[in-house]
C-alpha atoms as a PDB file:
ATOM      1  CA  UNK A   1     -34.727  -7.761 -22.928  1.00  0.00           C
ATOM      2  CA  UNK A   2     -35.849  -4.098 -23.971  1.00  0.00           C
ATOM      3  CA  UNK A   3     -36.914  -5.157 -27.357  1.00  0.00           C
ATOM      4  CA  UNK A   4     -38.585  -8.060 -25.953  1.00  0.00           C
ATOM      5  CA  UNK A   5     -40.626  -4.912 -23.948  1.00  0.00           C
ATOM      6  CA  UNK A   6     -41.613  -3.341 -26.964  1.00  0.00           C
ATOM      7  CA  UNK A   7     -42.654  -6.605 -29.158  1.00  0.00           C
ATOM      8  CA  UNK A   8     -44.851  -7.645 -25.964  1.00  0.00           C
ATOM      9  CA  UNK A   9     -46.847  -4.379 -25.038  1.00  0.00           C
ATOM     10  CA  UNK A  10     -47.739  -3.757 -28.770  1.00  0.00           C
ATOM     11  CA  UNK A  11     -48.387  -7.484 -28.985  1.00  0.00           C
ATOM     12  CA  UNK A  12     -50.794  -6.744 -25.790  1.00  0.00           C
ATOM     13  CA  UNK A  13     -52.080  -3.600 -27.148  1.00  0.00           C
ATOM     14  CA  UNK A  14     -52.949  -5.003 -30.947  1.00  0.00           C
ATOM     15  CA  UNK A  15     -54.550  -7.501 -29.291  1.00  0.00           C
ATOM     16  CA  UNK A  16     -56.775  -5.438 -26.975  1.00  0.00           C
ATOM     17  CA  UNK A  17     -57.669  -2.574 -29.690  1.00  0.00           C
ATOM     18  CA  UNK A  18     -58.670  -5.862 -32.286  1.00  0.00           C
ATOM     19  CA  UNK A  19     -60.789  -7.554 -30.101  1.00  0.00           C
ATOM     20  CA  UNK A  20     -62.462  -4.277 -28.985  1.00  0.00           C
ATOM     21  CA  UNK A  21     -62.908  -2.976 -32.679  1.00  0.00           C
ATOM     22  CA  UNK A  22     -64.122  -6.319 -33.955  1.00  0.00           C
ATOM     23  CA  UNK A  23     -66.694  -6.504 -31.183  1.00  0.00           C
ATOM     24  CA  UNK A  24     -68.136  -3.137 -32.718  1.00  0.00           C
ATOM     25  CA  UNK A  25     -67.725  -3.434 -36.492  1.00  0.00           C
ATOM     26  CA  UNK A  26     -67.907  -7.384 -36.558  1.00  0.00           C
ATOM     27  CA  UNK A  27     -65.822  -7.251 -40.032  1.00  0.00           C
ATOM     28  CA  UNK A  28     -62.440  -9.081 -39.068  1.00  0.00           C
ATOM     29  CA  UNK A  29     -60.777  -7.691 -41.585  1.00  0.00           C
ATOM     30  CA  UNK A  30     -61.348  -4.237 -41.376  1.00  0.00           C
ATOM     31  CA  UNK A  31     -61.102  -4.678 -37.216  1.00  0.00           C
ATOM     32  CA  UNK A  32     -57.422  -6.349 -37.760  1.00  0.00           C
ATOM     33  CA  UNK A  33     -56.213  -3.406 -40.134  1.00  0.00           C
ATOM     34  CA  UNK A  34     -57.822  -0.713 -38.156  1.00  0.00           C
ATOM     35  CA  UNK A  35     -56.011  -2.566 -34.896  1.00  0.00           C
ATOM     36  CA  UNK A  36     -52.657  -2.916 -36.564  1.00  0.00           C
ATOM     37  CA  UNK A  37     -52.444   0.580 -38.111  1.00  0.00           C
ATOM     38  CA  UNK A  38     -53.663   2.219 -34.857  1.00  0.00           C
ATOM     39  CA  UNK A  39     -50.810   0.492 -32.809  1.00  0.00           C
ATOM     40  CA  UNK A  40     -48.157   1.169 -35.388  1.00  0.00           C
ATOM     41  CA  UNK A  41     -49.226   5.008 -35.211  1.00  0.00           C
ATOM     42  CA  UNK A  42     -49.160   4.791 -31.439  1.00  0.00           C
ATOM     43  CA  UNK A  43     -45.570   3.583 -31.721  1.00  0.00           C
ATOM     44  CA  UNK A  44     -44.939   6.072 -34.300  1.00  0.00           C
ATOM     45  CA  UNK A  45     -45.760   8.697 -31.777  1.00  0.00           C
ATOM     46  CA  UNK A  46     -44.323   7.551 -28.911  1.00  0.00           C
ATOM     47  CA  UNK A  47     -40.747   7.518 -31.111  1.00  0.00           C
ATOM     48  CA  UNK A  48     -41.551  11.139 -31.746  1.00  0.00           C
ATOM     49  CA  UNK A  49     -42.603  12.028 -28.304  1.00  0.00           C
ATOM     50  CA  UNK A  50     -38.781  10.480 -27.155  1.00  0.00           C
ATOM     51  CA  UNK A  51     -37.156  12.736 -29.893  1.00  0.00           C
ATOM     52  CA  UNK A  52     -38.713  15.702 -27.751  1.00  0.00           C
ATOM     53  CA  UNK A  53     -37.453  14.041 -24.195  1.00  0.00           C
ATOM     54  CA  UNK A  54     -33.934  14.691 -22.951  1.00  0.00           C
ATOM     55  CA  UNK A  55     -31.865  11.724 -22.677  1.00  0.00           C
ATOM     56  CA  UNK A  56     -34.015   9.630 -25.074  1.00  0.00           C
ATOM     57  CA  UNK A  57     -33.005   8.743 -28.661  1.00  0.00           C
ATOM     58  CA  UNK A  58     -35.948   7.568 -31.144  1.00  0.00           C
ATOM     59  CA  UNK A  59     -35.233   4.982 -33.525  1.00  0.00           C
ATOM     60  CA  UNK A  60     -37.292   3.680 -36.575  1.00  0.00           C
ATOM     61  CA  UNK A  61     -36.607   0.170 -35.689  1.00  0.00           C
ATOM     62  CA  UNK A  62     -38.319   0.448 -32.483  1.00  0.00           C
ATOM     63  CA  UNK A  63     -41.234   1.422 -34.419  1.00  0.00           C
ATOM     64  CA  UNK A  64     -41.139  -1.521 -36.764  1.00  0.00           C
ATOM     65  CA  UNK A  65     -40.624  -4.200 -33.801  1.00  0.00           C
ATOM     66  CA  UNK A  66     -43.884  -2.324 -32.308  1.00  0.00           C
ATOM     67  CA  UNK A  67     -45.576  -3.024 -35.296  1.00  0.00           C
ATOM     68  CA  UNK A  68     -44.512  -6.397 -35.669  1.00  0.00           C
ATOM     69  CA  UNK A  69     -45.620  -7.228 -32.327  1.00  0.00           C
ATOM     70  CA  UNK A  70     -49.236  -5.610 -32.884  1.00  0.00           C
ATOM     71  CA  UNK A  71     -49.572  -7.678 -36.081  1.00  0.00           C
ATOM     72  CA  UNK A  72     -48.501 -10.712 -34.825  1.00  0.00           C
ATOM     73  CA  UNK A  73     -51.302 -10.496 -31.948  1.00  0.00           C
ATOM     74  CA  UNK A  74     -53.778  -9.442 -34.656  1.00  0.00           C
ATOM     75  CA  UNK A  75     -52.906 -12.515 -36.717  1.00  0.00           C
ATOM     76  CA  UNK A  76     -52.992 -14.773 -33.739  1.00  0.00           C
ATOM     77  CA  UNK A  77     -56.139 -13.562 -32.402  1.00  0.00           C
ATOM     78  CA  UNK A  78     -58.147 -13.569 -35.838  1.00  0.00           C
ATOM     79  CA  UNK A  79     -56.828 -17.572 -36.453  1.00  0.00           C
ATOM     80  CA  UNK A  80     -57.528 -18.207 -33.250  1.00  0.00           C
ATOM     81  CA  UNK A  81     -61.195 -16.798 -33.182  1.00  0.00           C
ATOM     82  CA  UNK A  82     -61.488 -18.699 -36.464  1.00  0.00           C
ATOM     83  CA  UNK A  83     -60.487 -22.230 -35.010  1.00  0.00           C
ATOM     84  CA  UNK A  84     -62.792 -21.465 -32.105  1.00  0.00           C
ATOM     85  CA  UNK A  85     -65.829 -20.669 -34.188  1.00  0.00           C
ATOM     86  CA  UNK A  86     -65.187 -23.622 -36.825  1.00  0.00           C
ATOM     87  CA  UNK A  87     -65.164 -26.027 -33.292  1.00  0.00           C
ATOM     88  CA  UNK A  88     -68.143 -24.296 -31.926  1.00  0.00           C
ATOM     89  CA  UNK A  89     -70.371 -24.108 -35.140  1.00  0.00           C
END
């Protein structure tokens, strides 16, 4: 359950960042890369913060899981947008 929370939280974060950045830049590839990297960076900072907090232990596997959640969201959003544009073109 805890691993699902990691994945789903960063899934939502990655999707939200992609949609916001894509709206500003207009370039899907750059927006996807920035959104994924931003979510991964945030996950790394979160784990670093855990290392400073008593009773919690940072885990690199959590960063990878968070990054995978964000990347999955970004890829799905790009694919859905492409299909949507093709249907409504």
